[in-house]
Amino acid sequence: MTREVKIYTTPTCPYCKMAKKFFAANGIEYQEFNIAEDKAAREEMKNRYNSMTVPTICFNGEVLIGFNEAELREKLGL
C-alpha cells in the first residue's frame, strides 16, 4: 500500500526521534519537516492540522499528534 507520510518535528524532540526510528524499522518512507527551521511548515502544521505539538504525523487523511506506537501500528495496518 502506498501512503504519503509527513512528520513535523524539531531536532530536540525525543518522541520525534522515536517516531522516525519506528518508521525506519518498519520500512516506511516519510517526508520530514523541521518546524524549528521551516516557518512555512510550522504554519502549515498549525493551520492545516490544528497542531502546535511535535511530532505531528499525517497520512491517508489521518493526523496523529505525539508518538503512540500502538496507534501508529493500527492506523498504518502493521
PDB file of N, CA and C in Angstrom:
ATOM      1  N   MET A   1       0.841  -1.181   0.000  1.00  0.00           N
ATOM      2  CA  MET A   1       0.000   0.000   0.000  1.00  0.00           C
ATOM      3  C   MET A   1       0.882   1.238   0.000  1.00  0.00           C
ATOM      4  N   THR A   2       0.620   2.139  -0.917  1.00  0.00           N
ATOM      5  CA  THR A   2       1.390   3.371  -0.992  1.00  0.00           C
ATOM      6  C   THR A   2       0.719   4.420  -0.133  1.00  0.00           C
ATOM      7  N   ARG A   3       1.515   5.073   0.657  1.00  0.00           N
ATOM      8  CA  ARG A   3       0.977   6.134   1.503  1.00  0.00           C
ATOM      9  C   ARG A   3       1.999   7.250   1.569  1.00  0.00           C
ATOM     10  N   GLU A   4       1.516   8.445   1.662  1.00  0.00           N
ATOM     11  CA  GLU A   4       2.402   9.589   1.840  1.00  0.00           C
ATOM     12  C   GLU A   4       2.367   9.954   3.306  1.00  0.00           C
ATOM     13  N   VAL A   5       3.504   9.774   3.963  1.00  0.00           N
ATOM     14  CA  VAL A   5       3.598  10.067   5.394  1.00  0.00           C
ATOM     15  C   VAL A   5       4.412  11.340   5.566  1.00  0.00           C
ATOM     16  N   LYS A   6       3.833  12.282   6.303  1.00  0.00           N
ATOM     17  CA  LYS A   6       4.532  13.518   6.656  1.00  0.00           C
ATOM     18  C   LYS A   6       4.709  13.522   8.163  1.00  0.00           C
ATOM     19  N   ILE A   7       5.876  13.975   8.601  1.00  0.00           N
ATOM     20  CA  ILE A   7       6.088  14.134  10.042  1.00  0.00           C
ATOM     21  C   ILE A   7       6.712  15.508  10.288  1.00  0.00           C
ATOM     22  N   TYR A   8       6.077  16.236  11.185  1.00  0.00           N
ATOM     23  CA  TYR A   8       6.558  17.560  11.591  1.00  0.00           C
ATOM     24  C   TYR A   8       7.330  17.361  12.894  1.00  0.00           C
ATOM     25  N   THR A   9       8.585  17.847  12.914  1.00  0.00           N
ATOM     26  CA  THR A   9       9.483  17.566  14.025  1.00  0.00           C
ATOM     27  C   THR A   9      10.249  18.804  14.470  1.00  0.00           C
ATOM     28  N   THR A  10      10.965  18.639  15.592  1.00  0.00           N
ATOM     29  CA  THR A  10      12.033  19.563  15.985  1.00  0.00           C
ATOM     30  C   THR A  10      13.247  18.695  16.295  1.00  0.00           C
ATOM     31  N   PRO A  11      14.455  19.242  16.170  1.00  0.00           N
ATOM     32  CA  PRO A  11      15.665  18.439  16.365  1.00  0.00           C
ATOM     33  C   PRO A  11      15.834  17.878  17.779  1.00  0.00           C
ATOM     34  N   THR A  12      15.267  18.533  18.784  1.00  0.00           N
ATOM     35  CA  THR A  12      15.490  18.103  20.165  1.00  0.00           C
ATOM     36  C   THR A  12      14.383  17.216  20.729  1.00  0.00           C
ATOM     37  N   CYS A  13      13.355  16.938  19.939  1.00  0.00           N
ATOM     38  CA  CYS A  13      12.193  16.190  20.427  1.00  0.00           C
ATOM     39  C   CYS A  13      12.471  14.692  20.486  1.00  0.00           C
ATOM     40  N   PRO A  14      12.465  14.087  21.688  1.00  0.00           N
ATOM     41  CA  PRO A  14      12.734  12.644  21.788  1.00  0.00           C
ATOM     42  C   PRO A  14      11.632  11.791  21.147  1.00  0.00           C
ATOM     43  N   TYR A  15      10.390  12.261  21.171  1.00  0.00           N
ATOM     44  CA  TYR A  15       9.298  11.492  20.566  1.00  0.00           C
ATOM     45  C   TYR A  15       9.380  11.519  19.046  1.00  0.00           C
ATOM     46  N   CYS A  16       9.894  12.626  18.501  1.00  0.00           N
ATOM     47  CA  CYS A  16      10.123  12.705  17.053  1.00  0.00           C
ATOM     48  C   CYS A  16      11.162  11.665  16.649  1.00  0.00           C
ATOM     49  N   LYS A  17      12.221  11.560  17.431  1.00  0.00           N
ATOM     50  CA  LYS A  17      13.281  10.576  17.150  1.00  0.00           C
ATOM     51  C   LYS A  17      12.719   9.164  17.234  1.00  0.00           C
ATOM     52  N   MET A  18      11.866   8.902  18.218  1.00  0.00           N
ATOM     53  CA  MET A  18      11.252   7.580  18.359  1.00  0.00           C
ATOM     54  C   MET A  18      10.370   7.262  17.156  1.00  0.00           C
ATOM     55  N   ALA A  19       9.607   8.248  16.696  1.00  0.00           N
ATOM     56  CA  ALA A  19       8.720   8.050  15.537  1.00  0.00           C
ATOM     57  C   ALA A  19       9.542   7.753  14.286  1.00  0.00           C
ATOM     58  N   LYS A  20      10.620   8.503  14.070  1.00  0.00           N
ATOM     59  CA  LYS A  20      11.452   8.279  12.886  1.00  0.00           C
ATOM     60  C   LYS A  20      12.141   6.920  12.953  1.00  0.00           C
ATOM     61  N   LYS A  21      12.554   6.511  14.148  1.00  0.00           N
ATOM     62  CA  LYS A  21      13.161   5.192  14.323  1.00  0.00           C
ATOM     63  C   LYS A  21      12.128   4.092  14.033  1.00  0.00           C
ATOM     64  N   PHE A  22      10.891   4.299  14.469  1.00  0.00           N
ATOM     65  CA  PHE A  22       9.797   3.360  14.197  1.00  0.00           C
ATOM     66  C   PHE A  22       9.577   3.234  12.690  1.00  0.00           C
ATOM     67  N   PHE A  23       9.527   4.367  11.987  1.00  0.00           N
ATOM     68  CA  PHE A  23       9.334   4.334  10.535  1.00  0.00           C
ATOM     69  C   PHE A  23      10.467   3.571   9.860  1.00  0.00           C
ATOM     70  N   ALA A  24      11.705   3.856  10.254  1.00  0.00           N
ATOM     71  CA  ALA A  24      12.862   3.182   9.651  1.00  0.00           C
ATOM     72  C   ALA A  24      12.805   1.671   9.900  1.00  0.00           C
ATOM     73  N   ALA A  25      12.465   1.284  11.110  1.00  0.00           N
ATOM     74  CA  ALA A  25      12.408  -0.138  11.468  1.00  0.00           C
ATOM     75  C   ALA A  25      11.315  -0.879  10.695  1.00  0.00           C
ATOM     76  N   ASN A  26      10.283  -0.153  10.273  1.00  0.00           N
ATOM     77  CA  ASN A  26       9.163  -0.771   9.573  1.00  0.00           C
ATOM     78  C   ASN A  26       9.170  -0.475   8.067  1.00  0.00           C
ATOM     79  N   GLY A  27      10.266   0.100   7.580  1.00  0.00           N
ATOM     80  CA  GLY A  27      10.409   0.353   6.153  1.00  0.00           C
ATOM     81  C   GLY A  27       9.415   1.360   5.599  1.00  0.00           C
ATOM     82  N   ILE A  28       9.024   2.321   6.422  1.00  0.00           N
ATOM     83  CA  ILE A  28       8.047   3.334   5.995  1.00  0.00           C
ATOM     84  C   ILE A  28       8.790   4.600   5.591  1.00  0.00           C
ATOM     85  N   GLU A  29       8.605   4.982   4.337  1.00  0.00           N
ATOM     86  CA  GLU A  29       9.204   6.223   3.874  1.00  0.00           C
ATOM     87  C   GLU A  29       8.363   7.385   4.370  1.00  0.00           C
ATOM     88  N   TYR A  30       9.033   8.479   4.676  1.00  0.00           N
ATOM     89  CA  TYR A  30       8.314   9.648   5.170  1.00  0.00           C
ATOM     90  C   TYR A  30       9.014  10.912   4.721  1.00  0.00           C
ATOM     91  N   GLN A  31       8.263  11.984   4.752  1.00  0.00           N
ATOM     92  CA  GLN A  31       8.791  13.307   4.453  1.00  0.00           C
ATOM     93  C   GLN A  31       8.814  14.059   5.776  1.00  0.00           C
ATOM     94  N   GLU A  32       9.989  14.568   6.134  1.00  0.00           N
ATOM     95  CA  GLU A  32      10.144  15.258   7.424  1.00  0.00           C
ATOM     96  C   GLU A  32      10.194  16.764   7.229  1.00  0.00           C
ATOM     97  N   PHE A  33       9.507  17.456   8.127  1.00  0.00           N
ATOM     98  CA  PHE A  33       9.511  18.909   8.134  1.00  0.00           C
ATOM     99  C   PHE A  33       9.973  19.382   9.511  1.00  0.00           C
ATOM    100  N   ASN A  34      11.115  20.063   9.558  1.00  0.00           N
ATOM    101  CA  ASN A  34      11.670  20.579  10.802  1.00  0.00           C
ATOM    102  C   ASN A  34      11.059  21.960  11.055  1.00  0.00           C
ATOM    103  N   ILE A  35      10.095  22.014  11.968  1.00  0.00           N
ATOM    104  CA  ILE A  35       9.389  23.278  12.197  1.00  0.00           C
ATOM    105  C   ILE A  35      10.230  24.311  12.935  1.00  0.00           C
ATOM    106  N   ALA A  36      11.360  23.884  13.512  1.00  0.00           N
ATOM    107  CA  ALA A  36      12.247  24.848  14.165  1.00  0.00           C
ATOM    108  C   ALA A  36      12.929  25.729  13.123  1.00  0.00           C
ATOM    109  N   GLU A  37      13.137  25.186  11.916  1.00  0.00           N
ATOM    110  CA  GLU A  37      13.834  25.923  10.867  1.00  0.00           C
ATOM    111  C   GLU A  37      12.915  26.347   9.730  1.00  0.00           C
ATOM    112  N   ASP A  38      11.805  25.646   9.546  1.00  0.00           N
ATOM    113  CA  ASP A  38      10.934  25.872   8.389  1.00  0.00           C
ATOM    114  C   ASP A  38       9.639  26.547   8.837  1.00  0.00           C
ATOM    115  N   LYS A  39       9.615  27.880   8.681  1.00  0.00           N
ATOM    116  CA  LYS A  39       8.443  28.650   9.140  1.00  0.00           C
ATOM    117  C   LYS A  39       7.175  28.255   8.386  1.00  0.00           C
ATOM    118  N   ALA A  40       7.285  28.001   7.077  1.00  0.00           N
ATOM    119  CA  ALA A  40       6.120  27.614   6.277  1.00  0.00           C
ATOM    120  C   ALA A  40       5.547  26.287   6.779  1.00  0.00           C
ATOM    121  N   ALA A  41       6.424  25.338   7.114  1.00  0.00           N
ATOM    122  CA  ALA A  41       5.967  24.042   7.634  1.00  0.00           C
ATOM    123  C   ALA A  41       5.300  24.221   8.995  1.00  0.00           C
ATOM    124  N   ARG A  42       5.867  25.089   9.825  1.00  0.00           N
ATOM    125  CA  ARG A  42       5.276  25.358  11.145  1.00  0.00           C
ATOM    126  C   ARG A  42       3.875  25.930  10.982  1.00  0.00           C
ATOM    127  N   GLU A  43       3.714  26.867  10.043  1.00  0.00           N
ATOM    128  CA  GLU A  43       2.397  27.463   9.791  1.00  0.00           C
ATOM    129  C   GLU A  43       1.420  26.427   9.241  1.00  0.00           C
ATOM    130  N   GLU A  44       1.897  25.556   8.347  1.00  0.00           N
ATOM    131  CA  GLU A  44       1.034  24.504   7.800  1.00  0.00           C
ATOM    132  C   GLU A  44       0.568  23.561   8.908  1.00  0.00           C
ATOM    133  N   MET A  45       1.483  23.153   9.762  1.00  0.00           N
ATOM    134  CA  MET A  45       1.141  22.252  10.871  1.00  0.00           C
ATOM    135  C   MET A  45       0.083  22.909  11.769  1.00  0.00           C
ATOM    136  N   LYS A  46       0.285  24.177  12.049  1.00  0.00           N
ATOM    137  CA  LYS A  46      -0.629  24.900  12.934  1.00  0.00           C
ATOM    138  C   LYS A  46      -1.998  25.119  12.279  1.00  0.00           C
ATOM    139  N   ASN A  47      -1.997  25.598  11.046  1.00  0.00           N
ATOM    140  CA  ASN A  47      -3.250  25.985  10.392  1.00  0.00           C
ATOM    141  C   ASN A  47      -3.985  24.820   9.736  1.00  0.00           C
ATOM    142  N   ARG A  48      -3.270  23.952   9.037  1.00  0.00           N
ATOM    143  CA  ARG A  48      -3.931  22.850   8.319  1.00  0.00           C
ATOM    144  C   ARG A  48      -4.288  21.695   9.244  1.00  0.00           C
ATOM    145  N   TYR A  49      -3.381  21.404  10.202  1.00  0.00           N
ATOM    146  CA  TYR A  49      -3.587  20.244  11.069  1.00  0.00           C
ATOM    147  C   TYR A  49      -3.975  20.623  12.491  1.00  0.00           C
ATOM    148  N   ASN A  50      -4.109  21.923  12.754  1.00  0.00           N
ATOM    149  CA  ASN A  50      -4.544  22.418  14.057  1.00  0.00           C
ATOM    150  C   ASN A  50      -3.682  21.871  15.195  1.00  0.00           C
ATOM    151  N   SER A  51      -2.372  21.858  14.968  1.00  0.00           N
ATOM    152  CA  SER A  51      -1.453  21.291  15.955  1.00  0.00           C
ATOM    153  C   SER A  51      -0.316  22.257  16.252  1.00  0.00           C
ATOM    154  N   MET A  52       0.080  22.282  17.509  1.00  0.00           N
ATOM    155  CA  MET A  52       1.269  23.017  17.931  1.00  0.00           C
ATOM    156  C   MET A  52       2.215  22.066  18.665  1.00  0.00           C
ATOM    157  N   THR A  53       2.039  20.774  18.427  1.00  0.00           N
ATOM    158  CA  THR A  53       2.798  19.748  19.139  1.00  0.00           C
ATOM    159  C   THR A  53       3.558  18.880  18.140  1.00  0.00           C
ATOM    160  N   VAL A  54       4.795  18.533  18.488  1.00  0.00           N
ATOM    161  CA  VAL A  54       5.553  17.585  17.667  1.00  0.00           C
ATOM    162  C   VAL A  54       5.735  16.287  18.448  1.00  0.00           C
ATOM    163  N   PRO A  55       5.832  15.162  17.768  1.00  0.00           N
ATOM    164  CA  PRO A  55       5.625  15.057  16.331  1.00  0.00           C
ATOM    165  C   PRO A  55       4.141  15.124  15.971  1.00  0.00           C
ATOM    166  N   THR A  56       3.870  15.733  14.826  1.00  0.00           N
ATOM    167  CA  THR A  56       2.552  15.651  14.196  1.00  0.00           C
ATOM    168  C   THR A  56       2.763  14.795  12.962  1.00  0.00           C
ATOM    169  N   ILE A  57       2.042  13.689  12.891  1.00  0.00           N
ATOM    170  CA  ILE A  57       2.222  12.707  11.828  1.00  0.00           C
ATOM    171  C   ILE A  57       0.935  12.656  10.999  1.00  0.00           C
ATOM    172  N   CYS A  58       1.083  12.812   9.683  1.00  0.00           N
ATOM    173  CA  CYS A  58      -0.078  12.882   8.789  1.00  0.00           C
ATOM    174  C   CYS A  58       0.065  11.856   7.673  1.00  0.00           C
ATOM    175  N   PHE A  59      -1.011  11.106   7.411  1.00  0.00           N
ATOM    176  CA  PHE A  59      -1.040  10.147   6.301  1.00  0.00           C
ATOM    177  C   PHE A  59      -2.476   9.712   6.069  1.00  0.00           C
ATOM    178  N   ASN A  60      -2.814   9.442   4.806  1.00  0.00           N
ATOM    179  CA  ASN A  60      -4.140   8.926   4.430  1.00  0.00           C
ATOM    180  C   ASN A  60      -5.284   9.683   5.106  1.00  0.00           C
ATOM    181  N   GLY A  61      -5.163  10.988   5.226  1.00  0.00           N
ATOM    182  CA  GLY A  61      -6.221  11.773   5.851  1.00  0.00           C
ATOM    183  C   GLY A  61      -6.232  11.706   7.371  1.00  0.00           C
ATOM    184  N   GLU A  62      -5.322  10.935   7.958  1.00  0.00           N
ATOM    185  CA  GLU A  62      -5.215  10.825   9.425  1.00  0.00           C
ATOM    186  C   GLU A  62      -4.207  11.844   9.935  1.00  0.00           C
ATOM    187  N   VAL A  63      -4.436  12.338  11.133  1.00  0.00           N
ATOM    188  CA  VAL A  63      -3.468  13.207  11.801  1.00  0.00           C
ATOM    189  C   VAL A  63      -3.281  12.657  13.212  1.00  0.00           C
ATOM    190  N   LEU A  64      -2.055  12.235  13.508  1.00  0.00           N
ATOM    191  CA  LEU A  64      -1.737  11.739  14.852  1.00  0.00           C
ATOM    192  C   LEU A  64      -0.777  12.734  15.488  1.00  0.00           C
ATOM    193  N   ILE A  65      -1.124  13.175  16.674  1.00  0.00           N
ATOM    194  CA  ILE A  65      -0.298  14.140  17.378  1.00  0.00           C
ATOM    195  C   ILE A  65       0.380  13.424  18.532  1.00  0.00           C
ATOM    196  N   GLY A  66       1.723  13.493  18.533  1.00  0.00           N
ATOM    197  CA  GLY A  66       2.507  12.753  19.508  1.00  0.00           C
ATOM    198  C   GLY A  66       2.879  11.397  18.949  1.00  0.00           C
ATOM    199  N   PHE A  67       3.666  10.638  19.712  1.00  0.00           N
ATOM    200  CA  PHE A  67       4.092   9.308  19.263  1.00  0.00           C
ATOM    201  C   PHE A  67       3.430   8.247  20.120  1.00  0.00           C
ATOM    202  N   ASN A  68       2.581   7.453  19.494  1.00  0.00           N
ATOM    203  CA  ASN A  68       1.916   6.332  20.155  1.00  0.00           C
ATOM    204  C   ASN A  68       2.096   5.149  19.221  1.00  0.00           C
ATOM    205  N   GLU A  69       3.050   4.263  19.537  1.00  0.00           N
ATOM    206  CA  GLU A  69       3.397   3.172  18.630  1.00  0.00           C
ATOM    207  C   GLU A  69       2.212   2.271  18.322  1.00  0.00           C
ATOM    208  N   ALA A  70       1.427   1.919  19.319  1.00  0.00           N
ATOM    209  CA  ALA A  70       0.281   1.026  19.102  1.00  0.00           C
ATOM    210  C   ALA A  70      -0.719   1.659  18.140  1.00  0.00           C
ATOM    211  N   GLU A  71      -1.001   2.935  18.331  1.00  0.00           N
ATOM    212  CA  GLU A  71      -1.951   3.629  17.456  1.00  0.00           C
ATOM    213  C   GLU A  71      -1.397   3.734  16.032  1.00  0.00           C
ATOM    214  N   LEU A  72      -0.098   4.031  15.917  1.00  0.00           N
ATOM    215  CA  LEU A  72       0.525   4.105  14.594  1.00  0.00           C
ATOM    216  C   LEU A  72       0.435   2.757  13.880  1.00  0.00           C
ATOM    217  N   ARG A  73       0.761   1.682  14.597  1.00  0.00           N
ATOM    218  CA  ARG A  73       0.683   0.336  14.006  1.00  0.00           C
ATOM    219  C   ARG A  73      -0.727   0.049  13.498  1.00  0.00           C
ATOM    220  N   GLU A  74      -1.709   0.374  14.303  1.00  0.00           N
ATOM    221  CA  GLU A  74      -3.111   0.121  13.936  1.00  0.00           C
ATOM    222  C   GLU A  74      -3.491   0.934  12.697  1.00  0.00           C
ATOM    223  N   LYS A  75      -3.205   2.239  12.717  1.00  0.00           N
ATOM    224  CA  LYS A  75      -3.617   3.114  11.617  1.00  0.00           C
ATOM    225  C   LYS A  75      -2.868   2.802  10.318  1.00  0.00           C
ATOM    226  N   LEU A  76      -1.611   2.329  10.435  1.00  0.00           N
ATOM    227  CA  LEU A  76      -0.823   2.006   9.251  1.00  0.00           C
ATOM    228  C   LEU A  76      -1.029   0.557   8.810  1.00  0.00           C
ATOM    229  N   GLY A  77      -1.782  -0.211   9.587  1.00  0.00           N
ATOM    230  CA  GLY A  77      -2.051  -1.603   9.225  1.00  0.00           C
ATOM    231  C   GLY A  77      -0.835  -2.501   9.368  1.00  0.00           C
ATOM    232  N   LEU A  78      -0.032  -2.276  10.394  1.00  0.00           N
ATOM    233  CA  LEU A  78       1.179  -3.077  10.617  1.00  0.00           C
ATOM    234  C   LEU A  78       0.939  -4.180  11.653  1.00  0.00           C
TER     235      LEU A  78
END
